Amino acid sequence: MSASTDTLAGQLLVALPALADPSFARTVALICQHDEAGAMGVVVNRTSEYTLGQVLSQMGIGSGDEALCAQAVLHGGPVHQERGFVIHDGGPRWDSSLQVAEGLCLTTSRDILEAMAAGEGPAHARWRWWTSMPPAPTGRRWTACTRSGGRAGWWSATR
């Protein structure tokens, strides 16, 4: 794989309609890393039973921002379910950030959550950066992707 053109990082993988595996059926996944060592993605169209406020509270982080605390936390996929990921705009300025694509990062460190709770986090965290995908509520993203593209496959998350 050449470093310049063969990466699928920053692309959306849309499950084919025939995929029956319950972990991935009807999913839309953002490919965050794809290189010689392997690939890693985050499912972005399944909500968990938690709100961001509950997660912040479990971590001992306070926030008076009711709208922020009410946001649903997405279920990122079947692997490492105990880990949290924040997808956001901007550069990798947090303790543990991975630049997925130009202007799109994945961060796993506590400092980004503390900044978000204090109103100092990234301007667009979670899914608002999603410009090329048809706008749709979380649970309807798979249908929106398959209908507007005419088929399942890859979408660019940043274009």
N, C-alpha and C. Protein backbone atom coordinates (compact mmCIF):
# COMPACT_ATOMS: atom_id res chain seq x y z
N MET A 1 0.86 -1.18 0.00
CA MET A 1 0.00 0.00 0.00
C MET A 1 0.89 1.23 0.00
N SER A 2 0.72 2.10 -0.95
CA SER A 2 1.51 3.32 -0.96
C SER A 2 0.90 4.30 0.02
N ALA A 3 1.75 5.06 0.68
CA ALA A 3 1.29 5.97 1.73
C ALA A 3 0.43 7.10 1.19
N SER A 4 0.56 7.44 -0.07
CA SER A 4 -0.12 8.63 -0.56
C SER A 4 -1.52 8.38 -1.10
N THR A 5 -1.79 7.24 -1.72
CA THR A 5 -3.06 7.11 -2.42
C THR A 5 -3.92 5.93 -2.02
N ASP A 6 -3.38 4.94 -1.33
CA ASP A 6 -4.13 3.72 -1.10
C ASP A 6 -4.83 3.65 0.25
N THR A 7 -4.83 4.68 1.01
CA THR A 7 -5.50 4.64 2.31
C THR A 7 -6.99 4.91 2.17
N LEU A 8 -7.76 4.25 2.99
CA LEU A 8 -9.20 4.48 3.02
C LEU A 8 -9.60 5.32 4.24
N ALA A 9 -8.62 5.80 4.99
CA ALA A 9 -8.91 6.66 6.14
C ALA A 9 -9.69 7.88 5.69
N GLY A 10 -10.69 8.25 6.48
CA GLY A 10 -11.53 9.39 6.14
C GLY A 10 -12.70 9.04 5.25
N GLN A 11 -12.86 7.77 4.93
CA GLN A 11 -13.96 7.33 4.09
C GLN A 11 -15.02 6.65 4.96
N LEU A 12 -16.24 6.60 4.47
CA LEU A 12 -17.32 5.92 5.17
C LEU A 12 -17.56 4.57 4.50
N LEU A 13 -17.60 3.53 5.27
CA LEU A 13 -17.91 2.20 4.78
C LEU A 13 -19.37 1.93 5.11
N VAL A 14 -20.17 1.70 4.09
CA VAL A 14 -21.60 1.46 4.25
C VAL A 14 -21.84 -0.03 4.01
N ALA A 15 -22.40 -0.72 5.00
CA ALA A 15 -22.61 -2.16 4.89
C ALA A 15 -23.56 -2.49 3.74
N LEU A 16 -23.22 -3.55 3.04
CA LEU A 16 -24.10 -4.03 1.98
C LEU A 16 -25.40 -4.55 2.59
N PRO A 17 -26.51 -4.41 1.89
CA PRO A 17 -27.79 -4.87 2.44
C PRO A 17 -27.80 -6.35 2.81
N ALA A 18 -27.04 -7.16 2.13
CA ALA A 18 -27.04 -8.61 2.38
C ALA A 18 -26.18 -9.01 3.58
N LEU A 19 -25.41 -8.11 4.15
CA LEU A 19 -24.55 -8.45 5.29
C LEU A 19 -25.42 -8.81 6.49
N ALA A 20 -25.32 -10.05 6.97
CA ALA A 20 -26.19 -10.54 8.02
C ALA A 20 -25.54 -10.52 9.40
N ASP A 21 -24.24 -10.30 9.51
CA ASP A 21 -23.57 -10.28 10.80
C ASP A 21 -24.21 -9.19 11.67
N PRO A 22 -24.79 -9.56 12.84
CA PRO A 22 -25.49 -8.56 13.66
C PRO A 22 -24.59 -7.42 14.15
N SER A 23 -23.29 -7.64 14.22
CA SER A 23 -22.39 -6.57 14.65
C SER A 23 -22.23 -5.49 13.60
N PHE A 24 -22.44 -5.84 12.33
CA PHE A 24 -22.19 -4.88 11.26
C PHE A 24 -23.35 -4.68 10.28
N ALA A 25 -24.43 -5.42 10.42
CA ALA A 25 -25.57 -5.27 9.51
C ALA A 25 -26.10 -3.84 9.58
N ARG A 26 -26.31 -3.25 8.42
CA ARG A 26 -26.88 -1.90 8.30
C ARG A 26 -26.06 -0.84 9.04
N THR A 27 -24.75 -0.97 9.03
CA THR A 27 -23.91 0.02 9.70
C THR A 27 -23.26 0.97 8.71
N VAL A 28 -22.90 2.12 9.23
CA VAL A 28 -22.07 3.09 8.53
C VAL A 28 -20.87 3.30 9.45
N ALA A 29 -19.68 3.03 8.93
CA ALA A 29 -18.46 3.15 9.74
C ALA A 29 -17.51 4.15 9.12
N LEU A 30 -16.96 5.02 9.97
CA LEU A 30 -15.91 5.94 9.54
C LEU A 30 -14.59 5.19 9.69
N ILE A 31 -13.84 5.06 8.60
CA ILE A 31 -12.53 4.43 8.65
C ILE A 31 -11.56 5.49 9.15
N CYS A 32 -11.00 5.25 10.33
CA CYS A 32 -10.14 6.23 10.98
C CYS A 32 -8.67 6.01 10.70
N GLN A 33 -8.29 4.76 10.55
CA GLN A 33 -6.90 4.44 10.26
C GLN A 33 -6.88 3.25 9.31
N HIS A 34 -6.05 3.35 8.29
CA HIS A 34 -5.92 2.26 7.32
C HIS A 34 -4.52 2.35 6.73
N ASP A 35 -3.68 1.41 7.12
CA ASP A 35 -2.30 1.40 6.65
C ASP A 35 -1.77 -0.03 6.63
N GLU A 36 -0.47 -0.17 6.47
CA GLU A 36 0.15 -1.49 6.39
C GLU A 36 -0.11 -2.32 7.64
N ALA A 37 -0.28 -1.67 8.79
CA ALA A 37 -0.48 -2.38 10.06
C ALA A 37 -1.91 -2.87 10.25
N GLY A 38 -2.86 -2.35 9.50
CA GLY A 38 -4.25 -2.77 9.63
C GLY A 38 -5.21 -1.61 9.45
N ALA A 39 -6.41 -1.79 9.95
CA ALA A 39 -7.45 -0.77 9.80
C ALA A 39 -8.26 -0.68 11.08
N MET A 40 -8.84 0.51 11.32
CA MET A 40 -9.70 0.74 12.47
C MET A 40 -10.78 1.72 12.06
N GLY A 41 -11.99 1.41 12.43
CA GLY A 41 -13.10 2.29 12.13
C GLY A 41 -14.05 2.38 13.30
N VAL A 42 -14.96 3.34 13.22
CA VAL A 42 -15.96 3.56 14.27
C VAL A 42 -17.33 3.59 13.62
N VAL A 43 -18.26 2.78 14.15
CA VAL A 43 -19.63 2.78 13.65
C VAL A 43 -20.30 4.07 14.10
N VAL A 44 -20.92 4.78 13.17
CA VAL A 44 -21.46 6.10 13.48
C VAL A 44 -22.98 6.21 13.30
N ASN A 45 -23.67 5.09 13.25
CA ASN A 45 -25.11 5.18 13.07
C ASN A 45 -25.90 4.33 14.06
N ARG A 46 -25.30 3.99 15.18
CA ARG A 46 -26.02 3.25 16.23
C ARG A 46 -25.82 3.98 17.57
N THR A 47 -26.93 4.33 18.19
CA THR A 47 -26.82 5.00 19.49
C THR A 47 -26.70 3.97 20.61
N SER A 48 -26.02 4.36 21.67
CA SER A 48 -25.93 3.53 22.87
C SER A 48 -27.06 3.93 23.80
N GLU A 49 -27.10 3.32 24.97
CA GLU A 49 -28.11 3.69 25.95
C GLU A 49 -27.68 4.86 26.82
N TYR A 50 -26.49 5.43 26.57
CA TYR A 50 -25.93 6.49 27.40
C TYR A 50 -26.05 7.86 26.75
N THR A 51 -26.10 8.88 27.62
CA THR A 51 -25.97 10.25 27.16
C THR A 51 -24.56 10.71 27.49
N LEU A 52 -24.14 11.79 26.88
CA LEU A 52 -22.82 12.33 27.18
C LEU A 52 -22.75 12.78 28.64
N GLY A 53 -23.84 13.30 29.17
CA GLY A 53 -23.87 13.70 30.57
C GLY A 53 -23.60 12.53 31.51
N GLN A 54 -24.14 11.35 31.20
CA GLN A 54 -23.89 10.18 32.02
C GLN A 54 -22.42 9.77 31.95
N VAL A 55 -21.84 9.84 30.77
CA VAL A 55 -20.42 9.50 30.61
C VAL A 55 -19.56 10.48 31.39
N LEU A 56 -19.85 11.78 31.24
CA LEU A 56 -19.09 12.79 31.96
C LEU A 56 -19.20 12.57 33.47
N SER A 57 -20.38 12.27 33.95
CA SER A 57 -20.59 12.04 35.37
C SER A 57 -19.79 10.83 35.86
N GLN A 58 -19.80 9.75 35.09
CA GLN A 58 -19.02 8.55 35.46
C GLN A 58 -17.53 8.86 35.55
N MET A 59 -17.09 9.83 34.75
CA MET A 59 -15.67 10.19 34.74
C MET A 59 -15.34 11.31 35.73
N GLY A 60 -16.35 11.79 36.47
CA GLY A 60 -16.12 12.85 37.44
C GLY A 60 -15.91 14.21 36.80
N ILE A 61 -16.50 14.41 35.62
CA ILE A 61 -16.39 15.69 34.90
C ILE A 61 -17.75 16.37 34.94
N GLY A 62 -17.80 17.56 35.48
CA GLY A 62 -19.05 18.29 35.57
C GLY A 62 -19.26 19.21 34.38
N SER A 63 -20.53 19.42 34.03
CA SER A 63 -20.86 20.36 32.96
C SER A 63 -22.24 20.92 33.23
N GLY A 64 -22.38 22.23 33.07
CA GLY A 64 -23.67 22.88 33.21
C GLY A 64 -24.40 23.02 31.88
N ASP A 65 -23.82 22.52 30.82
CA ASP A 65 -24.41 22.63 29.48
C ASP A 65 -25.41 21.50 29.27
N GLU A 66 -26.68 21.81 29.48
CA GLU A 66 -27.72 20.79 29.39
C GLU A 66 -27.82 20.17 28.01
N ALA A 67 -27.66 20.97 26.97
CA ALA A 67 -27.75 20.45 25.61
C ALA A 67 -26.62 19.46 25.34
N LEU A 68 -25.42 19.79 25.78
CA LEU A 68 -24.28 18.89 25.62
C LEU A 68 -24.52 17.60 26.38
N CYS A 69 -24.96 17.70 27.62
CA CYS A 69 -25.18 16.52 28.46
C CYS A 69 -26.30 15.63 27.93
N ALA A 70 -27.24 16.18 27.20
CA ALA A 70 -28.35 15.40 26.66
C ALA A 70 -28.01 14.66 25.37
N GLN A 71 -26.87 14.96 24.76
CA GLN A 71 -26.51 14.31 23.50
C GLN A 71 -26.35 12.82 23.70
N ALA A 72 -26.88 12.06 22.78
CA ALA A 72 -26.72 10.61 22.81
C ALA A 72 -25.28 10.25 22.47
N VAL A 73 -24.78 9.24 23.13
CA VAL A 73 -23.46 8.69 22.82
C VAL A 73 -23.68 7.55 21.84
N LEU A 74 -22.89 7.54 20.80
CA LEU A 74 -23.03 6.49 19.80
C LEU A 74 -22.30 5.23 20.23
N HIS A 75 -22.82 4.11 19.79
CA HIS A 75 -22.18 2.81 20.01
C HIS A 75 -21.19 2.66 18.87
N GLY A 76 -19.91 2.71 19.18
CA GLY A 76 -18.88 2.76 18.14
C GLY A 76 -18.58 1.46 17.44
N GLY A 77 -19.05 0.35 17.96
CA GLY A 77 -18.79 -0.94 17.33
C GLY A 77 -18.57 -2.04 18.33
N PRO A 78 -18.35 -3.24 17.84
CA PRO A 78 -18.28 -4.41 18.73
C PRO A 78 -16.93 -4.61 19.42
N VAL A 79 -15.89 -3.91 19.02
CA VAL A 79 -14.56 -4.10 19.59
C VAL A 79 -14.25 -2.94 20.55
N HIS A 80 -13.66 -3.23 21.68
CA HIS A 80 -13.28 -2.23 22.69
C HIS A 80 -14.45 -1.32 23.06
N GLN A 81 -15.56 -1.93 23.44
CA GLN A 81 -16.75 -1.17 23.77
C GLN A 81 -16.59 -0.29 25.00
N GLU A 82 -15.59 -0.56 25.81
CA GLU A 82 -15.36 0.23 27.02
C GLU A 82 -14.59 1.52 26.72
N ARG A 83 -14.08 1.68 25.51
CA ARG A 83 -13.31 2.87 25.16
C ARG A 83 -14.21 3.92 24.54
N GLY A 84 -13.85 5.17 24.74
CA GLY A 84 -14.60 6.27 24.16
C GLY A 84 -13.79 6.98 23.09
N PHE A 85 -14.47 7.42 22.06
CA PHE A 85 -13.84 8.13 20.94
C PHE A 85 -14.64 9.39 20.66
N VAL A 86 -13.96 10.48 20.40
CA VAL A 86 -14.61 11.72 19.98
C VAL A 86 -14.11 12.03 18.58
N ILE A 87 -15.04 12.15 17.65
CA ILE A 87 -14.71 12.54 16.28
C ILE A 87 -15.00 14.04 16.19
N HIS A 88 -14.02 14.80 15.69
CA HIS A 88 -14.17 16.25 15.72
C HIS A 88 -13.38 16.92 14.61
N ASP A 89 -13.69 18.20 14.42
CA ASP A 89 -12.97 18.99 13.44
C ASP A 89 -11.69 19.53 14.07
N GLY A 90 -10.89 20.20 13.26
CA GLY A 90 -9.67 20.81 13.75
C GLY A 90 -8.49 19.87 13.71
N GLY A 91 -7.41 20.32 14.30
CA GLY A 91 -6.19 19.54 14.31
C GLY A 91 -6.06 18.68 15.55
N PRO A 92 -5.04 17.83 15.56
CA PRO A 92 -4.82 16.93 16.69
C PRO A 92 -4.13 17.64 17.85
N ARG A 93 -4.84 18.51 18.54
CA ARG A 93 -4.23 19.29 19.62
C ARG A 93 -4.51 18.72 21.00
N TRP A 94 -5.16 17.59 21.09
CA TRP A 94 -5.48 16.97 22.37
C TRP A 94 -4.42 15.92 22.68
N ASP A 95 -4.43 15.42 23.91
CA ASP A 95 -3.39 14.48 24.35
C ASP A 95 -3.28 13.24 23.47
N SER A 96 -4.39 12.73 23.00
CA SER A 96 -4.36 11.51 22.21
C SER A 96 -5.26 11.65 20.99
N SER A 97 -4.74 12.25 19.94
CA SER A 97 -5.52 12.48 18.73
C SER A 97 -4.87 11.82 17.53
N LEU A 98 -5.71 11.38 16.64
CA LEU A 98 -5.28 10.81 15.37
C LEU A 98 -5.94 11.63 14.28
N GLN A 99 -5.14 12.16 13.37
CA GLN A 99 -5.73 12.88 12.25
C GLN A 99 -6.22 11.84 11.24
N VAL A 100 -7.53 11.82 11.03
CA VAL A 100 -8.16 10.87 10.13
C VAL A 100 -8.06 11.35 8.69
N ALA A 101 -8.30 12.62 8.50
CA ALA A 101 -8.26 13.26 7.18
C ALA A 101 -8.08 14.75 7.43
N GLU A 102 -7.92 15.51 6.38
CA GLU A 102 -7.78 16.97 6.51
C GLU A 102 -8.95 17.53 7.30
N GLY A 103 -8.68 18.15 8.47
CA GLY A 103 -9.72 18.78 9.26
C GLY A 103 -10.59 17.83 10.06
N LEU A 104 -10.23 16.55 10.15
CA LEU A 104 -11.04 15.55 10.84
C LEU A 104 -10.15 14.69 11.72
N CYS A 105 -10.46 14.64 13.02
CA CYS A 105 -9.63 13.89 13.97
C CYS A 105 -10.47 12.97 14.83
N LEU A 106 -9.79 11.99 15.41
CA LEU A 106 -10.36 11.08 16.38
C LEU A 106 -9.51 11.21 17.64
N THR A 107 -10.15 11.49 18.77
CA THR A 107 -9.42 11.68 20.02
C THR A 107 -9.99 10.75 21.08
N THR A 108 -9.09 10.16 21.88
CA THR A 108 -9.51 9.22 22.91
C THR A 108 -9.15 9.68 24.32
N SER A 109 -8.59 10.86 24.48
CA SER A 109 -8.12 11.29 25.80
C SER A 109 -9.17 12.09 26.56
N ARG A 110 -9.03 12.08 27.85
CA ARG A 110 -9.94 12.76 28.77
C ARG A 110 -9.98 14.27 28.56
N ASP A 111 -8.86 14.85 28.14
CA ASP A 111 -8.78 16.31 28.04
C ASP A 111 -9.79 16.90 27.07
N ILE A 112 -10.14 16.18 26.02
CA ILE A 112 -11.13 16.73 25.08
C ILE A 112 -12.51 16.76 25.72
N LEU A 113 -12.84 15.76 26.53
CA LEU A 113 -14.12 15.74 27.23
C LEU A 113 -14.18 16.86 28.27
N GLU A 114 -13.10 17.08 28.97
CA GLU A 114 -13.05 18.18 29.93
C GLU A 114 -13.24 19.52 29.24
N ALA A 115 -12.61 19.69 28.08
CA ALA A 115 -12.75 20.94 27.32
C ALA A 115 -14.18 21.11 26.81
N MET A 116 -14.78 20.02 26.32
CA MET A 116 -16.15 20.09 25.84
C MET A 116 -17.09 20.48 26.99
N ALA A 117 -16.90 19.86 28.16
CA ALA A 117 -17.75 20.14 29.32
C ALA A 117 -17.63 21.60 29.76
N ALA A 118 -16.46 22.19 29.56
CA ALA A 118 -16.22 23.58 29.94
C ALA A 118 -16.58 24.56 28.83
N GLY A 119 -17.08 24.05 27.70
CA GLY A 119 -17.43 24.92 26.59
C GLY A 119 -16.24 25.35 25.76
N GLU A 120 -15.12 24.66 25.89
CA GLU A 120 -13.89 25.03 25.19
C GLU A 120 -13.43 23.95 24.22
N GLY A 121 -14.28 23.00 23.91
CA GLY A 121 -13.91 21.90 23.03
C GLY A 121 -13.93 22.30 21.57
N PRO A 122 -13.78 21.33 20.70
CA PRO A 122 -13.79 21.62 19.26
C PRO A 122 -15.15 22.18 18.84
N ALA A 123 -15.12 22.99 17.79
CA ALA A 123 -16.36 23.62 17.32
C ALA A 123 -17.37 22.59 16.86
N HIS A 124 -16.90 21.54 16.23
CA HIS A 124 -17.80 20.51 15.71
C HIS A 124 -17.31 19.15 16.16
N ALA A 125 -17.90 18.65 17.21
CA ALA A 125 -17.57 17.31 17.68
C ALA A 125 -18.70 16.38 17.25
N ARG A 126 -18.38 15.13 17.13
CA ARG A 126 -19.29 14.06 16.72
C ARG A 126 -19.50 14.08 15.22
N TRP A 127 -20.69 14.35 14.73
CA TRP A 127 -20.98 14.06 13.33
C TRP A 127 -21.32 15.28 12.48
N ARG A 128 -21.20 16.47 13.00
CA ARG A 128 -21.60 17.65 12.23
C ARG A 128 -20.64 17.95 11.08
N TRP A 129 -19.48 17.33 11.07
CA TRP A 129 -18.53 17.53 9.99
C TRP A 129 -18.92 16.76 8.75
N TRP A 130 -19.93 15.97 8.84
CA TRP A 130 -20.31 15.04 7.78
C TRP A 130 -20.96 15.79 6.64
N THR A 131 -20.20 16.16 5.65
CA THR A 131 -20.75 17.04 4.61
C THR A 131 -21.18 16.31 3.36
N SER A 132 -20.55 15.21 3.01
CA SER A 132 -20.90 14.58 1.75
C SER A 132 -22.01 13.55 1.90
N MET A 133 -22.27 13.13 3.11
CA MET A 133 -23.31 12.15 3.33
C MET A 133 -24.66 12.84 3.42
N PRO A 134 -25.70 12.22 2.93
CA PRO A 134 -27.02 12.85 3.05
C PRO A 134 -27.37 13.09 4.51
N PRO A 135 -27.91 14.26 4.84
CA PRO A 135 -28.27 14.53 6.24
C PRO A 135 -29.36 13.56 6.68
N ALA A 136 -29.18 12.97 7.85
CA ALA A 136 -30.16 12.03 8.37
C ALA A 136 -29.92 11.84 9.86
N PRO A 137 -30.99 11.56 10.61
CA PRO A 137 -30.80 11.23 12.02
C PRO A 137 -29.92 9.98 12.14
N THR A 138 -29.30 9.82 13.29
CA THR A 138 -28.36 8.73 13.53
C THR A 138 -28.87 7.38 13.04
N GLY A 139 -30.06 7.00 13.43
CA GLY A 139 -30.60 5.69 13.09
C GLY A 139 -30.98 5.52 11.64
N ARG A 140 -30.99 6.58 10.87
CA ARG A 140 -31.38 6.49 9.46
C ARG A 140 -30.23 6.74 8.50
N ARG A 141 -29.01 6.81 9.00
CA ARG A 141 -27.86 7.11 8.14
C ARG A 141 -27.59 6.02 7.12
N TRP A 142 -27.75 4.77 7.51
CA TRP A 142 -27.50 3.68 6.56
C TRP A 142 -28.48 3.78 5.39
N THR A 143 -29.75 3.98 5.68
CA THR A 143 -30.77 4.09 4.63
C THR A 143 -30.48 5.29 3.74
N ALA A 144 -30.12 6.42 4.34
CA ALA A 144 -29.81 7.61 3.56
C ALA A 144 -28.63 7.37 2.62
N CYS A 145 -27.61 6.69 3.11
CA CYS A 145 -26.44 6.41 2.26
C CYS A 145 -26.80 5.49 1.10
N THR A 146 -27.53 4.44 1.39
CA THR A 146 -27.84 3.48 0.32
C THR A 146 -28.82 4.06 -0.69
N ARG A 147 -29.74 4.88 -0.24
CA ARG A 147 -30.72 5.46 -1.18
C ARG A 147 -30.10 6.54 -2.06
N SER A 148 -29.35 7.43 -1.47
CA SER A 148 -28.84 8.54 -2.25
C SER A 148 -27.70 8.13 -3.17
N GLY A 149 -26.95 7.12 -2.78
CA GLY A 149 -25.86 6.66 -3.63
C GLY A 149 -26.29 5.56 -4.57
N GLY A 150 -27.47 5.00 -4.35
CA GLY A 150 -27.94 3.93 -5.19
C GLY A 150 -27.35 2.58 -4.85
N ARG A 151 -26.34 2.56 -3.98
CA ARG A 151 -25.72 1.31 -3.58
C ARG A 151 -24.92 1.55 -2.31
N ALA A 152 -24.57 0.48 -1.64
CA ALA A 152 -23.69 0.59 -0.48
C ALA A 152 -22.26 0.71 -0.99
N GLY A 153 -21.39 1.24 -0.20
CA GLY A 153 -20.01 1.36 -0.60
C GLY A 153 -19.30 2.44 0.17
N TRP A 154 -18.41 3.15 -0.48
CA TRP A 154 -17.60 4.17 0.19
C TRP A 154 -18.15 5.56 -0.03
N TRP A 155 -18.07 6.38 1.01
CA TRP A 155 -18.39 7.80 0.93
C TRP A 155 -17.23 8.55 1.53
N SER A 156 -16.96 9.71 1.04
CA SER A 156 -15.93 10.56 1.64
C SER A 156 -16.54 11.29 2.83
N ALA A 157 -15.86 11.25 3.95
CA ALA A 157 -16.38 11.92 5.14
C ALA A 157 -16.01 13.39 5.17
N THR A 158 -15.10 13.82 4.32
CA THR A 158 -14.63 15.21 4.40
C THR A 158 -14.89 16.03 3.15
N ARG A 159 -15.43 15.46 2.13
CA ARG A 159 -15.67 16.23 0.90
C ARG A 159 -17.14 16.42 0.64
